[in-house]
Amino acid sequence: MAQATFSIRMDEALKHQFDELCADFGMNATTAFNVFAKAVVREKKIPFEIQATNELTRADGLQAFLAMRAEAQAAGIQDLSLDEINDEINKTRRGE
């Protein structure tokens, strides 16, 4: 199969982060973009949701965060580690 070159521009810091993540997956950026392109062609859609945020959504999220923070402080559990927070999220997802 004939090969073609596809050139894109992106923020240098983003490229560095992307390259590192691809390396963690055992591939390079070219392979990752090929995987993405094949998924788009196969599924005839972008294989993830693209959604614009709006101020109302951010305001609602901030309000919910502040309410949860106040509830946690009232319960004396405001000093959770990141691992403890992730454990709580996972328990909620499992319905525990």
C-alpha atoms as a PDB file:
ATOM      1  CA  MET A   1       0.000   0.000   0.000  1.00  0.00           C
ATOM      2  CA  ALA A   2       1.329   3.438  -0.898  1.00  0.00           C
ATOM      3  CA  GLN A   3       2.247   5.670   2.006  1.00  0.00           C
ATOM      4  CA  ALA A   4       1.278   9.347   2.364  1.00  0.00           C
ATOM      5  CA  THR A   5       2.504  12.037   4.719  1.00  0.00           C
ATOM      6  CA  PHE A   6       0.118  13.881   6.998  1.00  0.00           C
ATOM      7  CA  SER A   7       1.506  16.954   8.745  1.00  0.00           C
ATOM      8  CA  ILE A   8      -0.191  18.751  11.661  1.00  0.00           C
ATOM      9  CA  ARG A   9       0.725  21.600  13.978  1.00  0.00           C
ATOM     10  CA  MET A  10       0.142  21.557  17.719  1.00  0.00           C
ATOM     11  CA  ASP A  11       1.359  23.188  20.884  1.00  0.00           C
ATOM     12  CA  GLU A  12       4.881  22.014  21.735  1.00  0.00           C
ATOM     13  CA  ALA A  13       4.000  21.090  25.319  1.00  0.00           C
ATOM     14  CA  LEU A  14       0.977  19.094  24.136  1.00  0.00           C
ATOM     15  CA  LYS A  15       3.143  17.257  21.592  1.00  0.00           C
ATOM     16  CA  HIS A  16       5.656  16.369  24.299  1.00  0.00           C
ATOM     17  CA  GLN A  17       2.891  15.045  26.577  1.00  0.00           C
ATOM     18  CA  PHE A  18       1.333  13.131  23.678  1.00  0.00           C
ATOM     19  CA  ASP A  19       4.677  11.577  22.696  1.00  0.00           C
ATOM     20  CA  GLU A  20       5.302  10.471  26.290  1.00  0.00           C
ATOM     21  CA  LEU A  21       1.846   8.934  26.605  1.00  0.00           C
ATOM     22  CA  CYS A  22       2.214   7.137  23.267  1.00  0.00           C
ATOM     23  CA  ALA A  23       5.545   5.740  24.471  1.00  0.00           C
ATOM     24  CA  ASP A  24       3.794   4.469  27.612  1.00  0.00           C
ATOM     25  CA  PHE A  25       1.362   2.655  25.286  1.00  0.00           C
ATOM     26  CA  GLY A  26       4.296   1.158  23.376  1.00  0.00           C
ATOM     27  CA  MET A  27       3.764   3.175  20.210  1.00  0.00           C
ATOM     28  CA  ASN A  28       4.796   6.425  18.597  1.00  0.00           C
ATOM     29  CA  ALA A  29       2.612   9.356  17.537  1.00  0.00           C
ATOM     30  CA  THR A  30       2.397   8.113  13.944  1.00  0.00           C
ATOM     31  CA  THR A  31       0.974   4.783  15.096  1.00  0.00           C
ATOM     32  CA  ALA A  32      -1.461   6.537  17.443  1.00  0.00           C
ATOM     33  CA  PHE A  33      -2.748   8.778  14.654  1.00  0.00           C
ATOM     34  CA  ASN A  34      -3.094   5.755  12.361  1.00  0.00           C
ATOM     35  CA  VAL A  35      -5.132   3.965  15.052  1.00  0.00           C
ATOM     36  CA  PHE A  36      -7.313   7.069  15.361  1.00  0.00           C
ATOM     37  CA  ALA A  37      -7.763   7.414  11.581  1.00  0.00           C
ATOM     38  CA  LYS A  38      -8.681   3.731  11.196  1.00  0.00           C
ATOM     39  CA  ALA A  39     -11.266   4.018  13.993  1.00  0.00           C
ATOM     40  CA  VAL A  40     -12.807   7.120  12.360  1.00  0.00           C
ATOM     41  CA  VAL A  41     -13.049   5.384   8.981  1.00  0.00           C
ATOM     42  CA  ARG A  42     -14.331   2.114  10.456  1.00  0.00           C
ATOM     43  CA  GLU A  43     -16.955   3.734  12.710  1.00  0.00           C
ATOM     44  CA  LYS A  44     -17.687   6.652  10.371  1.00  0.00           C
ATOM     45  CA  LYS A  45     -17.552   8.986  13.376  1.00  0.00           C
ATOM     46  CA  ILE A  46     -15.083  10.491  15.818  1.00  0.00           C
ATOM     47  CA  PRO A  47     -14.622   7.648  18.336  1.00  0.00           C
ATOM     48  CA  PHE A  48     -15.209   9.905  21.329  1.00  0.00           C
ATOM     49  CA  GLU A  49     -17.618  12.667  22.237  1.00  0.00           C
ATOM     50  CA  ILE A  50     -16.623  16.212  21.384  1.00  0.00           C
ATOM     51  CA  GLN A  51     -18.590  18.715  23.372  1.00  0.00           C
ATOM     52  CA  ALA A  52     -18.361  22.430  23.928  1.00  0.00           C
ATOM     53  CA  THR A  53     -18.591  23.597  27.504  1.00  0.00           C
ATOM     54  CA  ASN A  54     -20.499  26.657  28.515  1.00  0.00           C
ATOM     55  CA  GLU A  55     -20.426  28.990  31.478  1.00  0.00           C
ATOM     56  CA  LEU A  56     -23.617  27.532  32.907  1.00  0.00           C
ATOM     57  CA  THR A  57     -22.036  24.068  33.028  1.00  0.00           C
ATOM     58  CA  ARG A  58     -18.887  25.410  34.676  1.00  0.00           C
ATOM     59  CA  ALA A  59     -20.919  27.440  37.174  1.00  0.00           C
ATOM     60  CA  ASP A  60     -23.038  24.389  37.999  1.00  0.00           C
ATOM     61  CA  GLY A  61     -19.906  22.288  38.433  1.00  0.00           C
ATOM     62  CA  LEU A  62     -18.292  24.875  40.689  1.00  0.00           C
ATOM     63  CA  GLN A  63     -21.468  25.145  42.772  1.00  0.00           C
ATOM     64  CA  ALA A  64     -21.617  21.365  43.171  1.00  0.00           C
ATOM     65  CA  PHE A  65     -17.925  21.266  44.117  1.00  0.00           C
ATOM     66  CA  LEU A  66     -18.358  23.992  46.739  1.00  0.00           C
ATOM     67  CA  ALA A  67     -21.389  22.221  48.185  1.00  0.00           C
ATOM     68  CA  MET A  68     -19.484  18.934  48.419  1.00  0.00           C
ATOM     69  CA  ARG A  69     -16.518  20.688  50.007  1.00  0.00           C
ATOM     70  CA  ALA A  70     -18.775  22.261  52.658  1.00  0.00           C
ATOM     71  CA  GLU A  71     -20.423  18.885  53.320  1.00  0.00           C
ATOM     72  CA  ALA A  72     -17.022  17.191  53.651  1.00  0.00           C
ATOM     73  CA  GLN A  73     -15.761  19.872  56.021  1.00  0.00           C
ATOM     74  CA  ALA A  74     -18.899  19.528  58.158  1.00  0.00           C
ATOM     75  CA  ALA A  75     -18.334  15.756  58.300  1.00  0.00           C
ATOM     76  CA  GLY A  76     -14.632  16.217  59.118  1.00  0.00           C
ATOM     77  CA  ILE A  77     -13.362  14.457  55.994  1.00  0.00           C
ATOM     78  CA  GLN A  78     -11.915  17.369  54.037  1.00  0.00           C
ATOM     79  CA  ASP A  79      -8.378  15.969  54.114  1.00  0.00           C
ATOM     80  CA  LEU A  80      -8.750  12.984  51.760  1.00  0.00           C
ATOM     81  CA  SER A  81      -5.751  11.936  49.743  1.00  0.00           C
ATOM     82  CA  LEU A  82      -6.020  11.556  45.969  1.00  0.00           C
ATOM     83  CA  ASP A  83      -6.072   7.762  46.421  1.00  0.00           C
ATOM     84  CA  GLU A  84      -8.921   8.057  48.931  1.00  0.00           C
ATOM     85  CA  ILE A  85     -10.860  10.319  46.565  1.00  0.00           C
ATOM     86  CA  ASN A  86     -10.369   7.823  43.718  1.00  0.00           C
ATOM     87  CA  ASP A  87     -11.503   4.982  46.014  1.00  0.00           C
ATOM     88  CA  GLU A  88     -14.688   6.913  46.805  1.00  0.00           C
ATOM     89  CA  ILE A  89     -15.326   7.550  43.106  1.00  0.00           C
ATOM     90  CA  ASN A  90     -14.827   3.856  42.297  1.00  0.00           C
ATOM     91  CA  LYS A  91     -17.148   2.784  45.134  1.00  0.00           C
ATOM     92  CA  THR A  92     -19.834   5.118  43.801  1.00  0.00           C
ATOM     93  CA  ARG A  93     -19.416   3.745  40.278  1.00  0.00           C
ATOM     94  CA  ARG A  94     -19.827   0.208  41.647  1.00  0.00           C
ATOM     95  CA  GLY A  95     -22.909   1.275  43.606  1.00  0.00           C
ATOM     96  CA  GLU A  96     -21.378   0.652  47.020  1.00  0.00           C
END
